[in-house]
Amino acid sequence: MSTDTAPLRHVIVGAGHAARRAAETLRARDAAAQIVMIGAEPHAPYDRPVLSKDALLAHDGEKKAFVREASWYGTQNIALRLGTTVTAIDRERHAVRLDNGEALPYDRLLIATGSRVRAFNGPVDARVPLHYVRTLDDALALRAALAPGKTVAILGGGFIGLEVAAAVTQAGGTATVIEPSPALLQRSLPAEAARFVASLHTQRGVTLKLGAMPARIDHEGGRAVVVTDCGKVSADLVVVGIGVLPNLELARDAGLEVDHGIVVDAQCRTADPRIFAAGEVTAHFNPLLGRRVRVESWQVAENQPAVAAANMGGGAGSADAAEYAELPWLWSDQFDCNIQTLGLADPAYEWIVRGDLESGAFCMLAIDALQRLRAVVAINSGREIGACKRLILAGKTLDPAQLRDAAVALRSLL
């Protein structure tokens, strides 16, 4: 709770998941604070994981993305400035400049601008509309185009591309995933787990074109044609899922430090004491890892903004200041398969298989040279994540044979 005579003026740039969580926390901590949220999209804040799953498969499936009704913000006296873009931050005057020329003053500023899709940069025939799955409008446009029997070429074999491939298949379409790397998810999963995911998709009719680099997208006979260095793929629709880029330009242009994200400490502070940042736009110091990371996950959007909000209210820099310190945790649902990852793997780690790969439910555990657990991949084994998290944080030397043995409860090793 602020002890200032006048309520603090909090401005949040961005109106997504991270912005919502920050606003919720700010209001819970200070009933009098002024809170303004500014977002370029016309929609109230929503969570993105639904977009590549429910929103593609069911009419009104996108409603699951809205944790709060639009009316809630009004009842909480949180001002939503939607369809509005912040064009600049004036650090001297403590104000943000809007695209209509208005200057909006702040006492504390939170940058929660998230990311944008990485666009396909090859030549594209003007008759071929490219679909992305980043915004609500993107998902609705793709859902409207999908229909049983449609063929869909998906550029990118990462989690988003594979979730879209699963949705296309479940909607009665046929999906072809085009991935330049020789294997799926090379930066996210160990080889055994990646092969399992590949088999999961091919068994359900998804075609995988691995080691194929898309060069351009043509239009022939009323259909899109993706031209790769390994041949052509013809399709009714083309979806691009080749990653995202952090929206860091606003911070960079204001003279704040950026390094593949907006640089903040564990308290979500930039070098400017009035400016904080949260969500996947941040390159944040993680005390558990001892280094700076940028993580694209629901977890970061859900939990880091609450830390930022607590410190924006006056706690930053004090002995009681909140810190964001979590092991990176991500998940992906594809068909009837749940994939979870915990921690960050290193090429030097040894991967241990726990459970039976053929059963479709197993874990892969990464241990370092001192035989300490460092990272986990759980395939249909989410129940193991809690114990794995505690083992990683404990930093204990472990017996690889016990880790392999699914009959040995992981919690017994704590």
Protein backbone atom coordinates (compact mmCIF):
# COMPACT_ATOMS: atom_id res chain seq x y z
CA MET A 1 0.00 0.00 0.00
CA SER A 2 1.43 3.36 -0.96
CA THR A 3 2.14 5.81 1.85
CA ASP A 4 2.16 8.80 -0.53
CA THR A 5 -0.59 11.37 -0.07
CA ALA A 6 -1.62 11.08 -3.70
CA PRO A 7 -2.32 7.62 -5.16
CA LEU A 8 0.42 6.26 -7.38
CA ARG A 9 -0.27 6.44 -11.12
CA HIS A 10 0.59 3.08 -12.67
CA VAL A 11 0.72 2.83 -16.45
CA ILE A 12 0.99 -0.61 -18.03
CA VAL A 13 2.12 -0.77 -21.65
CA GLY A 14 0.61 -3.92 -23.10
CA ALA A 15 -2.78 -5.52 -22.50
CA GLY A 16 -2.11 -9.23 -22.53
CA HIS A 17 -1.75 -11.95 -19.92
CA ALA A 18 1.20 -10.32 -18.14
CA ALA A 19 -0.53 -6.94 -18.06
CA ARG A 20 -3.66 -8.49 -16.56
CA ARG A 21 -1.70 -10.21 -13.80
CA ALA A 22 0.11 -7.00 -12.96
CA ALA A 23 -3.13 -5.03 -12.83
CA GLU A 24 -4.78 -7.65 -10.62
CA THR A 25 -1.89 -7.52 -8.18
CA LEU A 26 -1.65 -3.74 -8.15
CA ARG A 27 -5.33 -3.43 -7.36
CA ALA A 28 -5.23 -6.11 -4.68
CA ARG A 29 -2.35 -4.32 -2.96
CA ASP A 30 -3.64 -0.76 -3.31
CA ALA A 31 -7.32 0.06 -3.63
CA ALA A 32 -6.58 3.72 -4.39
CA ALA A 33 -3.88 3.36 -7.04
CA GLN A 34 -4.58 4.70 -10.50
CA ILE A 35 -4.09 1.95 -13.08
CA VAL A 36 -4.14 2.42 -16.83
CA MET A 37 -3.52 -0.43 -19.27
CA ILE A 38 -2.71 0.38 -22.90
CA GLY A 39 -2.97 -2.25 -25.64
CA ALA A 40 -2.83 -2.19 -29.42
CA GLU A 41 -5.42 -4.95 -29.87
CA PRO A 42 -9.14 -4.20 -29.55
CA HIS A 43 -9.71 -7.07 -27.11
CA ALA A 44 -9.54 -7.17 -23.33
CA PRO A 45 -6.54 -9.14 -21.98
CA TYR A 46 -6.49 -12.85 -22.81
CA ASP A 47 -4.16 -15.83 -22.34
CA ARG A 48 -2.50 -17.12 -25.50
CA PRO A 49 -2.16 -20.92 -24.96
CA VAL A 50 -5.82 -21.40 -25.89
CA LEU A 51 -5.27 -19.89 -29.35
CA SER A 52 -3.45 -22.87 -30.83
CA LYS A 53 -5.84 -25.42 -29.28
CA ASP A 54 -9.44 -24.72 -28.17
CA ALA A 55 -9.82 -21.57 -30.26
CA LEU A 56 -9.06 -23.53 -33.44
CA LEU A 57 -11.29 -26.49 -32.66
CA ALA A 58 -14.56 -25.19 -31.28
CA HIS A 59 -16.97 -22.35 -31.86
CA ASP A 60 -16.47 -19.96 -28.96
CA GLY A 61 -13.43 -21.99 -27.87
CA GLU A 62 -11.55 -18.71 -27.60
CA LYS A 63 -13.70 -17.72 -24.62
CA LYS A 64 -11.44 -19.86 -22.43
CA ALA A 65 -8.67 -17.35 -23.10
CA PHE A 66 -10.46 -14.60 -21.17
CA VAL A 67 -9.76 -15.10 -17.48
CA ARG A 68 -11.55 -11.83 -16.70
CA GLU A 69 -14.65 -10.46 -18.38
CA ALA A 70 -14.14 -7.04 -19.94
CA SER A 71 -16.54 -5.57 -17.39
CA TRP A 72 -14.30 -6.65 -14.52
CA TYR A 73 -11.74 -3.97 -15.32
CA GLY A 74 -14.34 -1.26 -14.98
CA THR A 75 -15.57 -2.57 -11.64
CA GLN A 76 -11.95 -2.59 -10.43
CA ASN A 77 -11.36 0.96 -11.68
CA ILE A 78 -8.69 -0.23 -14.11
CA ALA A 79 -8.76 1.91 -17.24
CA LEU A 80 -8.38 -0.01 -20.50
CA ARG A 81 -7.06 1.98 -23.45
CA LEU A 82 -7.51 -0.60 -26.19
CA GLY A 83 -6.71 -0.15 -29.86
CA THR A 84 -4.05 2.28 -28.73
CA THR A 85 -0.29 2.20 -29.27
CA VAL A 86 2.43 3.73 -27.14
CA THR A 87 4.90 5.33 -29.51
CA ALA A 88 7.51 6.60 -27.04
CA ILE A 89 8.53 6.81 -23.40
CA ASP A 90 9.58 10.25 -22.15
CA ARG A 91 11.71 9.37 -19.15
CA GLU A 92 12.43 12.99 -18.26
CA ARG A 93 8.77 13.95 -18.07
CA HIS A 94 7.67 10.54 -16.75
CA ALA A 95 5.08 10.12 -19.47
CA VAL A 96 4.28 7.85 -22.39
CA ARG A 97 3.33 9.22 -25.80
CA LEU A 98 0.30 7.64 -27.49
CA ASP A 99 -0.37 7.29 -31.19
CA ASN A 100 -3.02 10.01 -30.98
CA GLY A 101 -0.43 12.46 -29.68
CA GLU A 102 -1.59 12.33 -26.08
CA ALA A 103 0.99 12.29 -23.29
CA LEU A 104 0.00 10.07 -20.37
CA PRO A 105 1.96 10.67 -17.14
CA TYR A 106 3.10 7.89 -14.80
CA ASP A 107 4.66 7.44 -11.39
CA ARG A 108 5.51 3.84 -12.21
CA LEU A 109 5.61 2.31 -15.66
CA LEU A 110 5.40 -1.39 -16.47
CA ILE A 111 6.43 -2.56 -19.93
CA ALA A 112 4.60 -5.80 -20.70
CA THR A 113 4.67 -5.68 -24.48
CA GLY A 114 5.24 -9.39 -25.07
CA SER A 115 6.35 -10.65 -28.46
CA ARG A 116 5.29 -10.63 -32.09
CA VAL A 117 5.53 -13.37 -34.69
CA ARG A 118 8.66 -13.82 -36.71
CA ALA A 119 7.45 -13.30 -40.25
CA PHE A 120 8.37 -15.55 -43.15
CA ASN A 121 10.90 -13.46 -45.09
CA GLY A 122 10.84 -15.23 -48.44
CA PRO A 123 8.87 -14.14 -51.52
CA VAL A 124 5.13 -14.79 -51.17
CA ASP A 125 2.61 -14.65 -54.02
CA ALA A 126 0.05 -11.97 -53.22
CA ARG A 127 -2.77 -14.46 -53.76
CA VAL A 128 -1.62 -16.57 -50.80
CA PRO A 129 -2.69 -15.28 -47.38
CA LEU A 130 -0.30 -16.42 -44.67
CA HIS A 131 -1.80 -17.43 -41.34
CA TYR A 132 -0.07 -16.91 -38.00
CA VAL A 133 -1.27 -17.91 -34.54
CA ARG A 134 -0.29 -15.14 -32.18
CA THR A 135 -3.36 -12.99 -31.64
CA LEU A 136 -7.01 -13.76 -31.08
CA ASP A 137 -7.83 -12.41 -34.52
CA ASP A 138 -5.16 -14.70 -36.01
CA ALA A 139 -6.78 -17.76 -34.40
CA LEU A 140 -10.28 -16.77 -35.48
CA ALA A 141 -9.15 -16.21 -39.06
CA LEU A 142 -7.47 -19.62 -39.20
CA ARG A 143 -10.47 -21.35 -37.64
CA ALA A 144 -12.75 -19.77 -40.23
CA ALA A 145 -10.50 -21.07 -43.01
CA LEU A 146 -10.22 -24.61 -41.64
CA ALA A 147 -12.65 -27.27 -42.79
CA PRO A 148 -12.65 -31.05 -43.10
CA GLY A 149 -10.55 -32.08 -46.07
CA LYS A 150 -8.44 -28.93 -46.13
CA THR A 151 -4.71 -29.41 -46.60
CA VAL A 152 -2.50 -27.17 -44.48
CA ALA A 153 1.23 -26.55 -44.82
CA ILE A 154 2.79 -25.47 -41.53
CA LEU A 155 6.15 -23.74 -41.58
CA GLY A 156 7.99 -24.59 -38.37
CA GLY A 157 8.22 -27.75 -36.27
CA GLY A 158 8.30 -26.11 -32.87
CA PHE A 159 5.62 -26.35 -30.20
CA ILE A 160 3.24 -23.88 -31.88
CA GLY A 161 3.56 -25.50 -35.30
CA LEU A 162 2.94 -28.94 -33.82
CA GLU A 163 -0.04 -27.78 -31.77
CA VAL A 164 -1.54 -26.31 -34.94
CA ALA A 165 -0.83 -29.57 -36.81
CA ALA A 166 -2.70 -31.48 -34.11
CA ALA A 167 -5.63 -29.05 -34.26
CA VAL A 168 -5.79 -29.22 -38.06
CA THR A 169 -5.86 -33.01 -37.92
CA GLN A 170 -8.52 -33.06 -35.21
CA ALA A 171 -10.59 -30.66 -37.31
CA GLY A 172 -10.57 -33.16 -40.19
CA GLY A 173 -7.81 -31.54 -42.21
CA THR A 174 -4.45 -32.81 -43.38
CA ALA A 175 -1.29 -31.20 -42.03
CA THR A 176 2.24 -31.12 -43.40
CA VAL A 177 4.91 -29.69 -41.11
CA ILE A 178 7.95 -28.23 -42.88
CA GLU A 179 10.99 -27.92 -40.61
CA PRO A 180 14.51 -26.91 -41.72
CA SER A 181 16.21 -28.89 -38.94
CA PRO A 182 16.74 -32.63 -39.34
CA ALA A 183 14.55 -33.29 -36.27
CA LEU A 184 11.63 -31.67 -34.47
CA LEU A 185 12.12 -29.55 -31.36
CA GLN A 186 15.91 -29.77 -31.44
CA ARG A 187 16.33 -26.80 -29.09
CA SER A 188 13.64 -27.96 -26.68
CA LEU A 189 13.80 -31.73 -26.26
CA PRO A 190 16.43 -34.49 -26.16
CA ALA A 191 16.52 -36.73 -29.19
CA GLU A 192 14.50 -39.62 -27.74
CA ALA A 193 11.65 -37.34 -26.68
CA ALA A 194 11.69 -35.49 -30.01
CA ARG A 195 11.45 -38.81 -31.88
CA PHE A 196 8.48 -39.78 -29.71
CA VAL A 197 6.71 -36.53 -30.60
CA ALA A 198 7.47 -37.05 -34.29
CA SER A 199 5.98 -40.56 -34.13
CA LEU A 200 2.95 -39.20 -32.27
CA HIS A 201 2.21 -36.93 -35.23
CA THR A 202 3.00 -39.31 -38.08
CA GLN A 203 0.81 -42.02 -36.53
CA ARG A 204 -2.10 -39.60 -36.68
CA GLY A 205 -1.54 -38.67 -40.30
CA VAL A 206 0.68 -35.60 -40.07
CA THR A 207 3.36 -35.48 -42.75
CA LEU A 208 6.76 -34.27 -41.56
CA LYS A 209 9.13 -32.66 -44.05
CA LEU A 210 12.33 -32.44 -42.03
CA GLY A 211 15.54 -30.86 -43.24
CA ALA A 212 13.50 -28.80 -45.72
CA MET A 213 14.13 -25.04 -45.89
CA PRO A 214 11.22 -23.02 -47.33
CA ALA A 215 12.46 -20.58 -49.96
CA ARG A 216 9.27 -19.02 -51.31
CA ILE A 217 5.52 -19.48 -51.50
CA ASP A 218 3.93 -19.58 -54.95
CA HIS A 219 0.37 -19.89 -56.19
CA GLU A 220 -0.47 -22.59 -58.71
CA GLY A 221 -3.85 -23.87 -59.80
CA GLY A 222 -5.68 -22.00 -57.06
CA ARG A 223 -3.51 -23.46 -54.30
CA ALA A 224 -0.50 -22.33 -52.31
CA VAL A 225 2.79 -24.02 -53.10
CA VAL A 226 5.61 -23.91 -50.58
CA VAL A 227 8.87 -24.25 -52.47
CA THR A 228 11.67 -25.74 -50.36
CA ASP A 229 15.19 -26.90 -51.11
CA CYS A 230 13.81 -30.46 -50.97
CA GLY A 231 10.81 -30.04 -53.23
CA LYS A 232 7.34 -28.49 -53.24
CA VAL A 233 4.39 -28.80 -50.86
CA SER A 234 0.95 -27.88 -52.20
CA ALA A 235 -1.75 -26.84 -49.75
CA ASP A 236 -5.03 -24.99 -49.35
CA LEU A 237 -3.67 -23.00 -46.41
CA VAL A 238 -0.25 -21.96 -45.13
CA VAL A 239 0.43 -21.38 -41.43
CA VAL A 240 3.70 -19.86 -40.28
CA GLY A 241 5.03 -20.78 -36.83
CA ILE A 242 8.74 -19.99 -36.91
CA GLY A 243 9.11 -18.25 -33.58
CA VAL A 244 8.57 -14.83 -32.07
CA LEU A 245 10.51 -11.63 -31.50
CA PRO A 246 10.32 -9.64 -28.24
CA ASN A 247 8.74 -6.22 -28.55
CA LEU A 248 11.69 -4.42 -27.01
CA GLU A 249 11.92 -1.41 -29.33
CA LEU A 250 10.00 0.93 -27.03
CA ALA A 251 12.45 0.29 -24.20
CA ARG A 252 15.47 0.42 -26.49
CA ASP A 253 14.43 3.74 -27.98
CA ALA A 254 13.97 5.12 -24.46
CA GLY A 255 17.61 4.31 -23.69
CA LEU A 256 16.93 1.28 -21.50
CA GLU A 257 19.24 -1.72 -21.75
CA VAL A 258 18.10 -4.53 -24.01
CA ASP A 259 19.75 -7.86 -24.74
CA HIS A 260 17.39 -10.15 -26.67
CA GLY A 261 14.77 -8.73 -24.31
CA ILE A 262 14.34 -5.84 -21.90
CA VAL A 263 17.00 -6.27 -19.23
CA VAL A 264 15.61 -6.40 -15.68
CA ASP A 265 16.84 -7.74 -12.37
CA ALA A 266 15.06 -10.32 -10.23
CA GLN A 267 12.83 -7.52 -8.90
CA CYS A 268 11.72 -6.70 -12.48
CA ARG A 269 13.51 -3.33 -12.35
CA THR A 270 15.14 -1.67 -15.33
CA ALA A 271 17.96 0.82 -14.79
CA ASP A 272 15.29 3.52 -14.45
CA PRO A 273 13.80 3.28 -10.93
CA ARG A 274 10.36 4.27 -12.22
CA ILE A 275 10.25 1.69 -15.01
CA PHE A 276 9.69 -2.04 -14.63
CA ALA A 277 9.16 -4.81 -17.17
CA ALA A 278 7.53 -8.24 -16.98
CA GLY A 279 6.53 -11.18 -19.14
CA GLU A 280 8.27 -12.79 -22.06
CA VAL A 281 9.63 -9.46 -23.30
CA THR A 282 12.11 -9.50 -20.41
CA ALA A 283 15.64 -10.77 -20.25
CA HIS A 284 15.49 -11.24 -16.49
CA PHE A 285 18.06 -12.34 -13.97
CA ASN A 286 17.06 -15.69 -12.51
CA PRO A 287 18.62 -16.26 -9.06
CA LEU A 288 18.10 -20.02 -9.30
CA LEU A 289 20.06 -20.23 -12.55
CA GLY A 290 22.54 -17.48 -11.72
CA ARG A 291 22.13 -15.87 -15.10
CA ARG A 292 19.87 -13.82 -17.30
CA VAL A 293 17.20 -15.63 -19.37
CA ARG A 294 14.26 -14.84 -21.59
CA VAL A 295 11.52 -17.45 -21.36
CA GLU A 296 8.40 -17.68 -23.52
CA SER A 297 5.91 -19.40 -21.24
CA TRP A 298 2.57 -19.13 -19.47
CA GLN A 299 4.45 -19.36 -16.17
CA VAL A 300 6.41 -16.16 -16.75
CA ALA A 301 3.31 -14.26 -17.89
CA GLU A 302 1.40 -15.49 -14.83
CA ASN A 303 3.91 -15.07 -12.02
CA GLN A 304 6.58 -12.53 -12.91
CA PRO A 305 4.12 -9.60 -13.28
CA ALA A 306 2.88 -10.16 -9.73
CA VAL A 307 6.46 -9.62 -8.53
CA ALA A 308 6.78 -6.49 -10.65
CA ALA A 309 3.51 -5.11 -9.29
CA ALA A 310 4.54 -5.74 -5.69
CA ASN A 311 7.74 -3.79 -6.24
CA MET A 312 6.07 -1.02 -8.21
CA GLY A 313 4.02 -0.25 -5.13
CA GLY A 314 7.12 0.70 -3.19
CA GLY A 315 8.93 -2.49 -2.26
CA ALA A 316 11.69 -2.36 -4.88
CA GLY A 317 15.17 -2.16 -3.46
CA SER A 318 14.13 -2.90 0.11
CA ALA A 319 15.08 -5.93 2.18
CA ASP A 320 11.53 -7.19 1.74
CA ALA A 321 11.43 -6.69 -2.03
CA ALA A 322 9.84 -9.52 -3.98
CA GLU A 323 12.03 -11.47 -6.41
CA TYR A 324 11.03 -13.60 -9.36
CA ALA A 325 12.87 -16.91 -8.98
CA GLU A 326 11.33 -19.94 -10.67
CA LEU A 327 12.71 -22.81 -12.67
CA PRO A 328 11.52 -22.34 -16.26
CA TRP A 329 8.50 -24.58 -16.84
CA LEU A 330 6.65 -25.03 -20.11
CA TRP A 331 3.98 -27.36 -21.41
CA SER A 332 2.36 -28.30 -24.69
CA ASP A 333 -0.74 -30.37 -25.42
CA GLN A 334 -0.75 -32.19 -28.76
CA PHE A 335 -3.52 -34.67 -29.55
CA ASP A 336 -3.89 -36.66 -26.30
CA CYS A 337 -0.27 -36.07 -25.31
CA ASN A 338 0.96 -33.69 -22.62
CA ILE A 339 4.58 -32.53 -22.81
CA GLN A 340 6.21 -30.62 -19.97
CA THR A 341 9.73 -29.29 -19.56
CA LEU A 342 11.37 -28.03 -16.38
CA GLY A 343 14.69 -26.22 -16.06
CA LEU A 344 17.13 -25.44 -18.85
CA ALA A 345 19.17 -28.19 -20.44
CA ASP A 346 22.83 -27.92 -21.42
CA PRO A 347 24.57 -29.98 -24.12
CA ALA A 348 27.00 -31.21 -21.47
CA TYR A 349 24.26 -32.88 -19.42
CA GLU A 350 23.58 -36.60 -19.55
CA TRP A 351 19.98 -37.59 -20.27
CA ILE A 352 18.47 -40.50 -18.38
CA VAL A 353 15.25 -42.21 -19.47
CA ARG A 354 12.85 -42.95 -16.63
CA GLY A 355 10.02 -45.26 -17.60
CA ASP A 356 9.17 -46.99 -20.85
CA LEU A 357 9.41 -44.99 -24.08
CA GLU A 358 7.02 -47.40 -25.77
CA SER A 359 4.33 -46.91 -23.13
CA GLY A 360 3.84 -43.29 -24.06
CA ALA A 361 4.40 -42.12 -20.47
CA PHE A 362 7.98 -41.46 -19.42
CA CYS A 363 10.42 -38.84 -18.18
CA MET A 364 13.85 -37.80 -19.35
CA LEU A 365 16.10 -36.45 -16.64
CA ALA A 366 19.22 -34.36 -17.30
CA ILE A 367 22.05 -34.65 -14.80
CA ASP A 368 25.30 -32.71 -14.67
CA ALA A 369 28.85 -33.97 -14.06
CA LEU A 370 28.16 -34.07 -10.29
CA GLN A 371 25.03 -36.17 -10.93
CA ARG A 372 22.69 -33.41 -9.83
CA LEU A 373 19.32 -33.13 -11.54
CA ARG A 374 19.21 -30.04 -13.76
CA ALA A 375 16.37 -30.39 -16.25
CA VAL A 376 13.37 -32.61 -16.97
CA VAL A 377 11.16 -33.54 -19.90
CA ALA A 378 7.93 -35.29 -18.89
CA ILE A 379 5.80 -36.99 -21.53
CA ASN A 380 2.35 -37.79 -20.12
CA SER A 381 4.03 -37.81 -16.71
CA GLY A 382 3.18 -34.44 -15.27
CA ARG A 383 2.78 -35.96 -11.82
CA GLU A 384 6.59 -36.24 -11.63
CA ILE A 385 7.23 -32.53 -12.13
CA GLY A 386 6.67 -31.53 -8.50
CA ALA A 387 9.23 -33.97 -7.12
CA CYS A 388 11.66 -33.12 -9.93
CA LYS A 389 11.43 -29.44 -9.07
CA ARG A 390 12.30 -30.14 -5.46
CA LEU A 391 15.20 -32.37 -6.49
CA ILE A 392 16.64 -29.70 -8.79
CA LEU A 393 16.39 -27.05 -6.08
CA ALA A 394 17.93 -29.40 -3.49
CA GLY A 395 21.06 -29.78 -5.63
CA LYS A 396 21.69 -33.28 -4.27
CA THR A 397 24.00 -35.83 -5.84
CA LEU A 398 21.75 -38.61 -7.11
CA ASP A 399 22.14 -42.23 -8.15
CA PRO A 400 21.43 -42.53 -11.89
CA ALA A 401 20.23 -46.11 -11.42
CA GLN A 402 17.55 -44.94 -8.99
CA LEU A 403 16.51 -42.16 -11.34
CA ARG A 404 16.06 -44.71 -14.15
CA ASP A 405 13.97 -47.05 -12.02
CA ALA A 406 10.34 -45.98 -12.26
CA ALA A 407 9.61 -48.20 -9.25
CA VAL A 408 11.67 -45.81 -7.09
CA ALA A 409 9.51 -42.83 -6.15
CA LEU A 410 11.37 -39.60 -6.92
CA ARG A 411 10.11 -38.04 -3.70
CA SER A 412 11.96 -40.78 -1.79
CA LEU A 413 15.24 -39.34 -3.10
CA LEU A 414 14.69 -35.97 -1.46
